[in-house]
N, C-alpha and C. Protein backbone atom coordinates (compact mmCIF):
# COMPACT_ATOMS: atom_id res chain seq x y z
N MET A 1 6.10 17.48 48.82
CA MET A 1 6.29 17.55 47.49
C MET A 1 4.89 17.81 47.44
N SER A 2 4.52 17.75 45.83
CA SER A 2 3.26 18.13 45.03
C SER A 2 3.03 16.43 44.56
N THR A 3 2.08 15.87 45.07
CA THR A 3 1.59 14.42 43.88
C THR A 3 0.85 15.12 42.69
N GLU A 4 0.99 16.50 42.35
CA GLU A 4 -0.18 16.59 40.97
C GLU A 4 0.82 15.89 39.73
N LYS A 5 0.21 14.87 38.55
CA LYS A 5 0.40 13.95 38.09
C LYS A 5 0.57 15.26 36.44
N ARG A 6 2.03 15.36 36.26
CA ARG A 6 2.59 16.10 35.26
C ARG A 6 2.01 15.38 33.71
N PRO A 7 1.65 16.03 32.75
CA PRO A 7 0.94 15.41 31.34
C PRO A 7 2.51 15.08 30.68
N ASN A 8 1.97 13.34 30.68
CA ASN A 8 2.95 12.36 29.78
C ASN A 8 3.15 12.92 28.19
N PRO A 9 4.46 13.20 28.41
CA PRO A 9 5.19 14.10 26.61
C PRO A 9 5.03 13.37 25.52
N ALA A 10 5.28 12.04 25.93
CA ALA A 10 5.15 10.98 24.73
C ALA A 10 3.60 10.57 24.34
N ARG A 11 2.50 10.60 25.46
CA ARG A 11 1.99 10.50 25.54
C ARG A 11 0.85 11.43 24.39
N ARG A 12 1.26 12.91 24.75
CA ARG A 12 1.08 13.81 24.13
C ARG A 12 1.55 13.76 22.43
N SER A 13 2.68 13.63 22.75
CA SER A 13 3.10 12.93 21.22
C SER A 13 2.17 12.57 20.25
N GLU A 14 2.01 10.82 20.32
CA GLU A 14 1.46 10.04 20.25
C GLU A 14 0.21 10.57 19.76
N ARG A 15 -0.55 11.87 20.76
CA ARG A 15 -2.17 12.03 20.38
C ARG A 15 -2.10 12.62 18.70
N SER A 16 -0.87 13.51 19.02
CA SER A 16 -0.99 14.54 18.09
C SER A 16 -0.36 13.84 16.23
N ARG A 17 0.11 13.12 16.40
CA ARG A 17 0.38 12.37 15.71
C ARG A 17 -0.67 11.34 15.10
N ARG A 18 -0.99 10.74 15.77
CA ARG A 18 -2.40 9.61 15.37
C ARG A 18 -3.31 11.39 14.67
N ALA A 19 -3.99 11.59 15.56
CA ALA A 19 -4.27 13.31 14.61
C ALA A 19 -4.56 13.70 13.40
N ILE A 20 -2.50 14.02 13.03
CA ILE A 20 -2.31 14.12 11.93
C ILE A 20 -2.61 12.92 11.04
N LEU A 21 -1.75 12.04 11.11
CA LEU A 21 -2.23 10.70 9.89
C LEU A 21 -3.50 10.71 9.96
N ASP A 22 -4.71 11.14 10.09
CA ASP A 22 -6.03 10.70 10.67
C ASP A 22 -6.68 11.73 9.99
N ALA A 23 -6.34 12.90 9.99
CA ALA A 23 -6.41 14.25 9.48
C ALA A 23 -5.91 14.04 7.55
N ALA A 24 -5.18 13.71 8.00
CA ALA A 24 -4.25 13.82 6.21
C ALA A 24 -4.88 12.65 5.27
N ARG A 25 -5.61 11.31 6.29
CA ARG A 25 -6.24 10.52 5.32
C ARG A 25 -7.62 11.17 4.65
N GLU A 26 -8.42 11.58 6.16
CA GLU A 26 -9.65 12.02 5.82
C GLU A 26 -9.75 13.35 4.78
N LEU A 27 -8.68 14.02 4.79
CA LEU A 27 -9.06 15.04 3.51
C LEU A 27 -8.40 14.52 1.99
N VAL A 28 -7.45 13.79 1.87
CA VAL A 28 -7.56 13.05 1.03
C VAL A 28 -8.59 12.52 0.32
N ALA A 29 -9.53 11.89 1.19
CA ALA A 29 -10.99 11.29 0.60
C ALA A 29 -11.72 11.73 0.79
N GLU A 30 -11.53 13.64 1.02
CA GLU A 30 -12.46 14.30 0.68
C GLU A 30 -12.26 15.41 -0.15
N THR A 31 -11.13 15.74 -0.52
CA THR A 31 -10.72 16.70 -1.36
C THR A 31 -9.86 16.39 -2.65
N GLU A 32 -9.72 16.71 -3.84
CA GLU A 32 -8.72 16.91 -4.87
C GLU A 32 -7.06 17.13 -4.09
N TYR A 33 -6.51 16.24 -3.95
CA TYR A 33 -5.09 15.91 -3.59
C TYR A 33 -4.35 17.33 -3.85
N GLY A 34 -4.01 17.62 -5.03
CA GLY A 34 -3.47 19.23 -5.84
C GLY A 34 -3.73 20.37 -4.44
N LYS A 35 -5.11 20.25 -4.13
CA LYS A 35 -6.07 21.50 -3.17
C LYS A 35 -5.18 21.05 -1.73
N ILE A 36 -4.36 19.89 -1.17
CA ILE A 36 -4.44 19.95 0.14
C ILE A 36 -3.14 20.64 0.89
N SER A 37 -2.79 20.91 1.52
CA SER A 37 -2.05 21.45 2.17
C SER A 37 -1.49 20.95 2.94
N ILE A 38 -0.33 21.24 3.98
CA ILE A 38 0.68 20.79 5.33
C ILE A 38 -0.38 22.06 6.24
N GLU A 39 -0.87 23.35 5.94
CA GLU A 39 -2.22 24.03 6.60
C GLU A 39 -2.79 23.24 7.34
N ALA A 40 -3.57 22.92 5.77
CA ALA A 40 -5.62 21.79 6.15
C ALA A 40 -4.96 21.00 7.06
N ILE A 41 -4.16 20.10 6.99
CA ILE A 41 -3.93 18.80 7.74
C ILE A 41 -3.55 19.38 8.91
N ALA A 42 -2.73 20.60 9.28
CA ALA A 42 -2.88 20.98 10.95
C ALA A 42 -3.64 21.48 11.39
N ALA A 43 -4.93 22.27 10.43
CA ALA A 43 -5.97 22.55 11.31
C ALA A 43 -6.98 22.00 11.11
N ARG A 44 -7.01 20.47 10.39
CA ARG A 44 -7.79 19.36 11.13
C ARG A 44 -7.51 18.33 11.96
N ALA A 45 -5.76 18.81 12.26
CA ALA A 45 -5.85 17.95 13.93
C ALA A 45 -5.49 18.15 14.45
N GLY A 46 -5.77 20.08 14.44
CA GLY A 46 -5.83 20.40 15.60
C GLY A 46 -4.26 20.74 15.88
N VAL A 47 -3.41 21.15 15.05
CA VAL A 47 -1.98 21.09 15.24
C VAL A 47 -1.52 22.66 15.35
N GLY A 48 -0.15 22.75 15.25
CA GLY A 48 0.48 24.11 14.18
C GLY A 48 0.89 23.07 13.40
N LYS A 49 1.26 24.10 11.77
CA LYS A 49 1.89 23.53 11.30
C LYS A 49 3.75 23.23 11.97
N GLN A 50 4.49 23.95 12.41
CA GLN A 50 5.56 23.22 12.72
C GLN A 50 5.69 22.01 13.64
N THR A 51 5.01 21.08 13.89
CA THR A 51 4.32 19.78 14.55
C THR A 51 4.60 18.95 13.34
N ILE A 52 4.12 19.83 12.14
CA ILE A 52 4.02 18.62 11.59
C ILE A 52 5.65 18.47 10.53
N TYR A 53 6.04 19.61 10.80
CA TYR A 53 7.26 19.37 9.59
C TYR A 53 8.41 19.15 10.92
N ARG A 54 8.27 18.71 12.11
CA ARG A 54 9.20 18.65 13.51
C ARG A 54 8.87 16.80 12.81
N TRP A 55 7.65 16.39 12.12
CA TRP A 55 7.75 14.94 12.46
C TRP A 55 7.98 14.52 10.55
N TRP A 56 7.73 15.22 9.68
CA TRP A 56 7.65 14.83 8.20
C TRP A 56 7.83 16.20 7.40
N PRO A 57 9.30 15.63 5.89
CA PRO A 57 9.82 16.66 5.51
C PRO A 57 8.63 17.27 4.38
N SER A 58 8.05 16.34 3.99
CA SER A 58 6.70 17.01 2.95
C SER A 58 5.48 16.57 2.72
N LYS A 59 3.88 16.94 2.56
CA LYS A 59 2.90 16.66 2.36
C LYS A 59 3.09 15.08 2.09
N GLY A 60 3.51 14.87 1.15
CA GLY A 60 3.71 13.17 0.33
C GLY A 60 3.97 12.50 1.31
N ALA A 61 5.01 12.76 2.11
CA ALA A 61 5.84 12.17 3.69
C ALA A 61 4.47 11.70 4.54
N VAL A 62 3.84 12.70 4.37
CA VAL A 62 2.34 12.73 5.79
C VAL A 62 1.51 11.61 4.93
N VAL A 63 1.21 11.44 4.12
CA VAL A 63 0.23 10.63 2.93
C VAL A 63 0.49 9.34 3.10
N PHE A 64 2.35 8.78 3.03
CA PHE A 64 2.65 7.82 2.75
C PHE A 64 2.51 7.15 4.27
N GLU A 65 2.98 7.72 5.23
CA GLU A 65 2.54 7.31 6.98
C GLU A 65 0.95 7.05 7.26
N SER A 66 0.29 8.02 6.21
CA SER A 66 -1.09 7.52 6.58
C SER A 66 -1.19 6.66 6.06
N PHE A 67 -1.05 6.34 5.15
CA PHE A 67 -1.42 5.29 4.09
C PHE A 67 -0.57 3.83 4.81
N LEU A 68 0.37 3.72 5.89
CA LEU A 68 1.21 2.93 6.12
C LEU A 68 0.38 2.19 7.13
N ALA A 69 -0.11 3.68 8.14
CA ALA A 69 -0.59 3.41 9.16
C ALA A 69 -2.55 2.57 8.79
N LEU A 70 -2.99 2.86 7.85
CA LEU A 70 -4.16 2.79 7.32
C LEU A 70 -3.49 0.90 6.71
N SER A 71 -2.81 0.71 6.60
CA SER A 71 -2.65 -0.74 6.27
C SER A 71 -1.93 -1.88 6.94
N GLU A 72 -1.26 -1.08 8.34
CA GLU A 72 -0.87 -1.81 9.05
C GLU A 72 -1.20 -3.35 9.03
N GLY A 73 0.01 -4.06 8.55
CA GLY A 73 0.09 -5.42 8.99
C GLY A 73 -0.25 -6.09 7.28
N ALA A 74 -0.53 -5.15 6.64
CA ALA A 74 -0.38 -5.85 5.03
C ALA A 74 1.03 -5.43 4.04
N ALA A 75 1.86 -4.48 4.91
CA ALA A 75 3.31 -4.61 4.69
C ALA A 75 4.25 -4.69 5.40
N GLY A 76 5.43 -5.07 4.81
CA GLY A 76 6.66 -5.06 6.33
C GLY A 76 7.30 -6.35 6.58
N GLU A 77 8.13 -6.71 7.20
CA GLU A 77 8.30 -7.79 7.52
C GLU A 77 7.49 -8.32 8.19
N GLY A 78 7.39 -10.06 7.86
CA GLY A 78 6.92 -11.00 8.13
C GLY A 78 5.43 -11.04 7.19
N ILE A 79 5.34 -10.12 6.33
CA ILE A 79 4.77 -10.65 5.03
C ILE A 79 4.79 -12.01 4.69
N ALA A 80 3.38 -13.17 4.23
CA ALA A 80 3.48 -14.13 3.84
C ALA A 80 2.45 -14.54 3.07
N LEU A 81 2.10 -14.49 1.81
CA LEU A 81 1.25 -15.10 0.72
C LEU A 81 0.81 -16.36 1.70
N PRO A 82 -0.38 -16.76 0.99
CA PRO A 82 -1.33 -18.03 1.10
C PRO A 82 -0.36 -19.45 0.44
N ASP A 83 -0.25 -20.46 1.29
CA ASP A 83 0.53 -21.35 0.60
C ASP A 83 -0.32 -22.76 1.02
N THR A 84 -1.21 -23.07 0.09
CA THR A 84 -2.06 -24.30 0.15
C THR A 84 -1.59 -25.49 -0.35
N GLY A 85 -0.83 -25.05 -1.04
CA GLY A 85 -0.10 -26.17 -2.31
C GLY A 85 -0.90 -25.99 -3.70
N ASP A 86 -1.79 -24.99 -3.81
CA ASP A 86 -2.45 -24.69 -5.09
C ASP A 86 -2.32 -23.69 -5.21
N ILE A 87 -1.47 -23.08 -6.28
CA ILE A 87 -1.01 -22.34 -6.74
C ILE A 87 -1.94 -21.26 -7.30
N LYS A 88 -2.98 -21.89 -7.90
CA LYS A 88 -4.02 -21.21 -8.57
C LYS A 88 -4.84 -20.69 -8.05
N ALA A 89 -5.85 -21.42 -7.06
CA ALA A 89 -6.46 -20.87 -5.95
C ALA A 89 -5.73 -19.58 -5.05
N ASP A 90 -4.53 -19.97 -5.14
CA ASP A 90 -3.73 -19.33 -3.71
C ASP A 90 -3.45 -17.08 -4.37
N LEU A 91 -3.41 -17.79 -5.75
CA LEU A 91 -3.22 -16.24 -6.30
C LEU A 91 -4.29 -15.58 -6.82
N ARG A 92 -5.58 -16.93 -7.01
CA ARG A 92 -6.96 -15.69 -6.51
C ARG A 92 -7.33 -15.62 -5.62
N THR A 93 -7.08 -15.67 -4.77
CA THR A 93 -7.18 -15.34 -3.10
C THR A 93 -6.79 -13.59 -3.21
N VAL A 94 -5.17 -13.97 -3.32
CA VAL A 94 -4.76 -12.29 -3.33
C VAL A 94 -4.74 -11.60 -4.58
N MET A 95 -4.97 -12.07 -5.51
CA MET A 95 -5.50 -11.10 -6.79
C MET A 95 -6.97 -10.38 -6.41
N ARG A 96 -7.78 -11.75 -5.86
CA ARG A 96 -8.97 -10.51 -5.71
C ARG A 96 -9.07 -9.84 -4.62
N ALA A 97 -8.44 -10.17 -3.60
CA ALA A 97 -7.74 -8.97 -2.23
C ALA A 97 -7.59 -7.81 -2.71
N THR A 98 -6.41 -8.10 -3.50
CA THR A 98 -5.96 -7.09 -4.36
C THR A 98 -6.52 -6.00 -4.83
N ALA A 99 -7.80 -6.35 -5.86
CA ALA A 99 -8.95 -5.76 -6.85
C ALA A 99 -9.90 -5.18 -5.95
N ALA A 100 -10.47 -5.91 -4.33
CA ALA A 100 -11.29 -5.63 -3.85
C ALA A 100 -10.71 -4.11 -3.08
N GLU A 101 -9.01 -3.88 -2.31
CA GLU A 101 -8.42 -3.15 -2.25
C GLU A 101 -8.28 -1.72 -2.54
N PHE A 102 -8.47 -2.07 -4.14
CA PHE A 102 -8.21 -0.94 -5.34
C PHE A 102 -9.38 -0.37 -5.53
N ALA A 103 -10.83 -1.11 -5.17
CA ALA A 103 -11.89 -0.62 -5.64
C ALA A 103 -12.80 0.07 -4.10
N ASP A 104 -11.59 -0.22 -2.85
CA ASP A 104 -12.39 0.30 -1.73
C ASP A 104 -11.97 1.84 -1.48
N PRO A 105 -12.99 2.77 -1.80
CA PRO A 105 -12.63 4.09 -1.15
C PRO A 105 -11.91 4.77 -0.10
N ARG A 106 -11.57 4.02 1.25
CA ARG A 106 -10.64 4.46 1.95
C ARG A 106 -9.11 4.14 1.61
N PHE A 107 -8.73 3.03 0.75
CA PHE A 107 -7.59 2.91 0.13
C PHE A 107 -7.29 3.82 -0.73
N GLU A 108 -7.93 3.59 -1.77
CA GLU A 108 -8.13 4.14 -3.01
C GLU A 108 -7.71 5.15 -2.87
N ALA A 109 -8.13 6.38 -2.81
CA ALA A 109 -7.83 8.08 -2.39
C ALA A 109 -6.62 8.17 -2.24
N PRO A 110 -5.98 7.12 -0.95
CA PRO A 110 -4.79 7.57 0.13
C PRO A 110 -3.44 7.15 -1.36
N ILE A 111 -4.13 6.01 -1.64
CA ILE A 111 -3.36 5.40 -2.84
C ILE A 111 -3.26 5.94 -4.12
N ARG A 112 -4.33 6.58 -4.53
CA ARG A 112 -3.94 7.02 -5.80
C ARG A 112 -2.83 8.67 -5.08
N ALA A 113 -3.42 9.25 -4.37
CA ALA A 113 -2.42 10.53 -3.72
C ALA A 113 -1.00 9.98 -3.06
N LEU A 114 -0.70 9.62 -2.93
CA LEU A 114 0.92 8.35 -2.96
C LEU A 114 0.95 8.57 -4.51
N ASN A 115 0.36 7.96 -5.43
CA ASN A 115 1.18 7.94 -6.10
C ASN A 115 1.42 9.13 -7.55
N SER A 116 0.20 10.04 -7.03
CA SER A 116 0.76 11.38 -7.52
C SER A 116 1.95 11.73 -6.61
N GLU A 117 2.62 11.95 -5.43
CA GLU A 117 3.79 12.04 -5.22
C GLU A 117 4.53 11.41 -5.79
N ILE A 118 4.95 10.27 -5.38
CA ILE A 118 5.98 9.52 -5.80
C ILE A 118 6.36 9.66 -6.82
N ILE A 119 5.87 10.43 -8.35
CA ILE A 119 6.06 10.71 -9.53
C ILE A 119 7.13 11.48 -9.46
N ASN A 120 7.03 12.37 -8.48
CA ASN A 120 7.55 13.99 -8.15
C ASN A 120 8.49 13.58 -7.27
N ASP A 121 8.78 12.76 -6.54
CA ASP A 121 9.50 13.15 -5.24
C ASP A 121 10.06 11.61 -5.05
N PRO A 122 11.76 11.21 -5.98
CA PRO A 122 12.73 9.78 -5.80
C PRO A 122 12.69 9.63 -4.47
N ALA A 123 12.77 10.56 -3.76
CA ALA A 123 13.13 10.13 -1.79
C ALA A 123 11.82 9.15 -1.47
N LEU A 124 10.52 10.16 -2.02
CA LEU A 124 9.67 9.49 -1.28
C LEU A 124 8.99 7.64 -2.03
N ALA A 125 9.76 8.31 -3.44
CA ALA A 125 9.81 6.52 -4.57
C ALA A 125 10.32 5.74 -2.99
N ALA A 126 12.23 6.15 -3.42
CA ALA A 126 12.56 5.32 -2.49
C ALA A 126 12.06 4.60 -0.84
N GLN A 127 11.80 5.63 -0.83
CA GLN A 127 10.55 5.01 1.26
C GLN A 127 9.62 3.68 0.83
N PHE A 128 8.89 4.35 -0.62
CA PHE A 128 7.83 3.20 -0.65
C PHE A 128 8.55 2.15 -1.35
N GLN A 129 9.53 1.85 -1.83
CA GLN A 129 10.24 0.83 -2.13
C GLN A 129 10.73 0.00 -1.15
N GLU A 130 11.46 0.45 0.02
CA GLU A 130 12.18 0.10 0.96
C GLU A 130 11.29 -0.45 1.72
N LYS A 131 10.53 0.21 2.15
CA LYS A 131 9.02 -0.04 3.33
C LYS A 131 7.98 -0.75 2.78
N VAL A 132 7.13 -1.00 1.46
CA VAL A 132 6.12 -1.48 0.52
C VAL A 132 6.04 -2.74 -0.21
N ASP A 133 7.14 -1.55 -1.31
CA ASP A 133 7.30 -2.58 -2.73
C ASP A 133 8.05 -3.20 -2.37
N GLY A 134 8.93 -3.56 -1.73
CA GLY A 134 10.29 -4.37 -1.50
C GLY A 134 9.47 -5.78 -1.01
N PRO A 135 9.71 -5.33 -0.12
CA PRO A 135 8.81 -6.60 1.43
C PRO A 135 7.51 -7.37 0.48
N VAL A 136 6.68 -6.76 -0.22
CA VAL A 136 5.63 -7.26 -0.62
C VAL A 136 6.03 -7.98 -1.68
N THR A 137 6.96 -7.31 -2.50
CA THR A 137 7.25 -8.14 -4.21
C THR A 137 8.05 -9.36 -3.48
N GLU A 138 8.76 -9.48 -2.61
CA GLU A 138 10.18 -10.28 -2.25
C GLU A 138 8.73 -11.67 -1.61
N ALA A 139 7.93 -11.33 -0.97
CA ALA A 139 6.27 -11.81 -0.26
C ALA A 139 6.17 -12.46 -1.67
N LYS A 140 5.75 -12.55 -2.72
CA LYS A 140 4.94 -12.59 -3.47
C LYS A 140 5.94 -13.32 -4.60
N LYS A 141 7.07 -13.30 -4.57
CA LYS A 141 7.97 -14.44 -5.07
C LYS A 141 8.70 -15.53 -4.53
N GLU A 142 8.31 -15.53 -3.51
CA GLU A 142 8.92 -16.69 -2.69
C GLU A 142 7.79 -17.47 -2.74
N ARG A 143 6.18 -16.78 -2.85
CA ARG A 143 4.89 -18.13 -3.14
C ARG A 143 5.57 -18.47 -4.49
N LEU A 144 5.57 -17.87 -5.35
CA LEU A 144 5.99 -18.21 -6.99
C LEU A 144 7.23 -19.27 -6.85
N ARG A 145 8.27 -19.13 -5.79
CA ARG A 145 9.40 -20.47 -5.62
C ARG A 145 8.89 -21.46 -5.16
N SER A 146 7.95 -21.57 -4.07
CA SER A 146 7.64 -22.63 -3.78
C SER A 146 6.24 -23.37 -5.11
N ALA A 147 6.03 -22.90 -5.19
CA ALA A 147 5.48 -23.45 -6.74
C ALA A 147 6.13 -23.93 -7.64
N GLN A 148 7.36 -24.04 -8.11
CA GLN A 148 8.29 -24.05 -8.58
C GLN A 148 8.41 -25.15 -8.22
N ARG A 149 9.21 -24.92 -6.53
CA ARG A 149 9.45 -26.52 -5.97
C ARG A 149 8.41 -27.38 -5.60
N ALA A 150 6.80 -26.97 -6.57
CA ALA A 150 6.16 -28.15 -6.42
C ALA A 150 5.92 -28.65 -7.78
N GLY A 151 6.70 -28.04 -8.58
CA GLY A 151 6.87 -28.24 -9.76
C GLY A 151 5.39 -27.63 -10.82
N GLN A 152 4.50 -26.29 -10.00
CA GLN A 152 3.25 -26.18 -10.89
C GLN A 152 3.84 -24.94 -11.70
N ILE A 153 5.14 -24.58 -11.25
CA ILE A 153 5.29 -23.02 -12.36
C ILE A 153 6.73 -24.13 -13.16
N SER A 154 7.02 -23.61 -13.97
CA SER A 154 8.26 -23.84 -14.81
C SER A 154 9.63 -23.09 -13.71
N PRO A 155 10.46 -23.87 -13.70
CA PRO A 155 11.59 -23.52 -12.64
C PRO A 155 13.26 -23.12 -13.30
N ASP A 156 12.70 -22.08 -15.14
CA ASP A 156 12.89 -21.20 -15.66
C ASP A 156 12.84 -19.65 -15.40
N ALA A 157 10.97 -19.84 -15.40
CA ALA A 157 10.28 -18.06 -15.27
C ALA A 157 11.18 -17.44 -14.52
N ASP A 158 10.76 -16.38 -15.18
CA ASP A 158 11.41 -14.87 -15.07
C ASP A 158 10.55 -14.48 -13.69
N LEU A 159 10.75 -14.57 -12.53
CA LEU A 159 9.53 -14.23 -11.68
C LEU A 159 9.25 -13.02 -11.14
N ASP A 160 10.32 -11.84 -11.46
CA ASP A 160 9.80 -10.21 -11.83
C ASP A 160 9.38 -10.08 -12.61
N LEU A 161 9.42 -10.95 -14.00
CA LEU A 161 8.50 -10.70 -15.19
C LEU A 161 6.58 -11.30 -14.99
N ALA A 162 6.84 -12.72 -14.24
CA ALA A 162 5.60 -12.88 -13.81
C ALA A 162 4.90 -11.85 -12.81
N LEU A 163 6.14 -11.30 -12.14
CA LEU A 163 4.26 -10.69 -10.96
C LEU A 163 4.00 -9.26 -11.62
N GLU A 164 4.98 -9.31 -13.17
CA GLU A 164 4.70 -7.87 -14.05
C GLU A 164 3.68 -8.24 -14.89
N LEU A 165 3.26 -9.48 -15.55
CA LEU A 165 2.39 -10.15 -15.88
C LEU A 165 1.31 -10.38 -15.53
N LEU A 166 1.22 -10.05 -13.71
CA LEU A 166 0.42 -10.54 -12.71
C LEU A 166 -0.53 -9.68 -12.70
N TYR A 167 0.12 -8.37 -12.85
CA TYR A 167 -0.14 -6.88 -11.29
C TYR A 167 -0.35 -6.14 -12.64
N ALA A 168 0.00 -5.73 -13.49
CA ALA A 168 0.33 -4.85 -14.85
C ALA A 168 -0.78 -4.02 -14.95
N PRO A 169 -1.82 -5.67 -15.49
CA PRO A 169 -2.88 -5.05 -16.07
C PRO A 169 -3.87 -4.62 -15.07
N LEU A 170 -3.98 -5.10 -13.88
CA LEU A 170 -4.47 -4.57 -12.61
C LEU A 170 -4.52 -3.46 -12.48
N TYR A 171 -3.31 -3.30 -12.40
CA TYR A 171 -2.48 -1.91 -11.85
C TYR A 171 -3.23 -0.60 -12.87
N GLN A 172 -3.19 -0.91 -14.43
CA GLN A 172 -3.35 -0.16 -15.60
C GLN A 172 -4.98 0.48 -15.48
N ARG A 173 -5.62 -0.56 -15.08
CA ARG A 173 -7.16 -0.57 -15.14
C ARG A 173 -7.58 0.24 -13.91
N TRP A 174 -6.79 0.22 -12.78
CA TRP A 174 -7.49 1.40 -11.67
C TRP A 174 -6.91 2.29 -11.82
N LEU A 175 -5.36 2.56 -12.70
CA LEU A 175 -5.12 3.95 -13.02
C LEU A 175 -5.94 4.67 -13.81
N LEU A 176 -6.08 4.05 -14.61
CA LEU A 176 -6.36 4.58 -15.88
C LEU A 176 -8.35 4.78 -16.18
N ARG A 177 -8.60 3.65 -14.97
CA ARG A 177 -10.39 3.72 -14.60
C ARG A 177 -10.62 3.06 -15.52
N SER A 178 -9.95 2.26 -16.68
CA SER A 178 -10.50 1.94 -17.81
C SER A 178 -11.80 0.51 -17.87
N GLY A 179 -12.24 -0.17 -16.62
CA GLY A 179 -12.82 -1.08 -16.66
C GLY A 179 -13.06 -1.50 -14.79
N PRO A 180 -13.63 -2.37 -14.68
CA PRO A 180 -14.24 -2.85 -13.20
C PRO A 180 -13.17 -3.79 -12.36
N LEU A 181 -12.86 -3.67 -11.48
CA LEU A 181 -12.13 -4.49 -10.52
C LEU A 181 -13.16 -5.82 -9.83
N THR A 182 -13.11 -6.82 -10.60
CA THR A 182 -13.61 -7.86 -10.20
C THR A 182 -13.27 -8.93 -10.09
N PRO A 183 -13.82 -9.60 -9.16
CA PRO A 183 -13.68 -11.16 -8.81
C PRO A 183 -12.99 -11.78 -9.92
N GLU A 184 -13.97 -11.92 -10.88
CA GLU A 184 -13.87 -12.53 -12.71
C GLU A 184 -12.39 -12.13 -13.11
N TYR A 185 -12.42 -10.83 -13.19
CA TYR A 185 -10.96 -10.27 -13.41
C TYR A 185 -10.04 -10.73 -13.33
N ALA A 186 -9.69 -10.40 -11.74
CA ALA A 186 -8.58 -11.45 -11.01
C ALA A 186 -8.61 -12.79 -11.49
N ASP A 187 -9.99 -13.51 -11.58
CA ASP A 187 -9.59 -14.61 -12.04
C ASP A 187 -8.65 -15.29 -13.19
N ALA A 188 -9.05 -13.70 -13.95
CA ALA A 188 -9.01 -14.07 -15.75
C ALA A 188 -7.41 -13.81 -15.68
N LEU A 189 -6.99 -12.69 -14.66
CA LEU A 189 -5.59 -12.58 -14.67
C LEU A 189 -4.72 -13.70 -14.20
N VAL A 190 -4.93 -14.44 -13.23
CA VAL A 190 -4.08 -15.27 -12.43
C VAL A 190 -4.35 -16.74 -13.64
N ASP A 191 -5.58 -16.65 -14.44
CA ASP A 191 -5.28 -17.85 -15.12
C ASP A 191 -4.41 -17.82 -16.57
N HIS A 192 -4.92 -16.78 -16.94
CA HIS A 192 -3.54 -16.15 -17.98
C HIS A 192 -2.04 -16.73 -17.88
N VAL A 193 -2.58 -15.92 -16.68
CA VAL A 193 -0.60 -15.54 -16.60
C VAL A 193 0.15 -17.00 -16.17
N LEU A 194 -0.75 -18.23 -15.77
CA LEU A 194 -0.59 -19.25 -15.51
C LEU A 194 -0.40 -20.02 -16.39
N LYS A 195 -1.06 -20.07 -17.48
CA LYS A 195 -1.00 -21.06 -18.38
C LYS A 195 0.55 -21.05 -19.15
N ALA A 196 0.91 -19.38 -18.97
CA ALA A 196 2.43 -18.53 -19.57
C ALA A 196 3.46 -19.89 -18.88
N LEU A 197 3.24 -19.62 -17.34
CA LEU A 197 4.30 -20.10 -16.65
C LEU A 197 4.57 -21.54 -16.14
N ARG A 198 3.42 -22.40 -17.26
CA ARG A 198 3.30 -23.96 -17.21
C ARG A 198 4.89 -24.62 -17.21
N PRO A 199 4.73 -25.54 -16.71
CA PRO A 199 6.16 -26.17 -17.00
C PRO A 199 6.29 -27.18 -18.54
């Protein structure tokens, strides 16, 4: 009997998958999103385009998974915001980190690409809501509920609206490139929103 080891298909598949995700992320960082194609991702990854289509239905789906791989641990089950008992300090920590992430070129390019794709792809939008936005929003609301229980936020505050008041200005500034995303800006957002949420 031959003792020659055969290649492990699972290991080979995982290597190809990682190469595709890395290639998608690199291309998004280097090239205008509209000019990226499945063929370009396949060529960069060193695989056939049919390999990509076997795992993902579209370019947007590849970019989405590459974004998830990049931010692994930042979304999904088990996420929790810091809870030191001081809602202002905790929200400042979170908002500063969010502003820094949006300003980080490694994250900004794939996030912009993902937003472009979500606008025109309802299925991808639903997937983003399920795997990223939904769990993260629930974690944020749970931190606000904790602040309500501690008497730091009005007990009848609309928490969905509170989060929109907190994050929408930052998102708009990032989307329109209308101003810097500084720690001071993040702090100002927290301070103004908490004034509105006082008991």
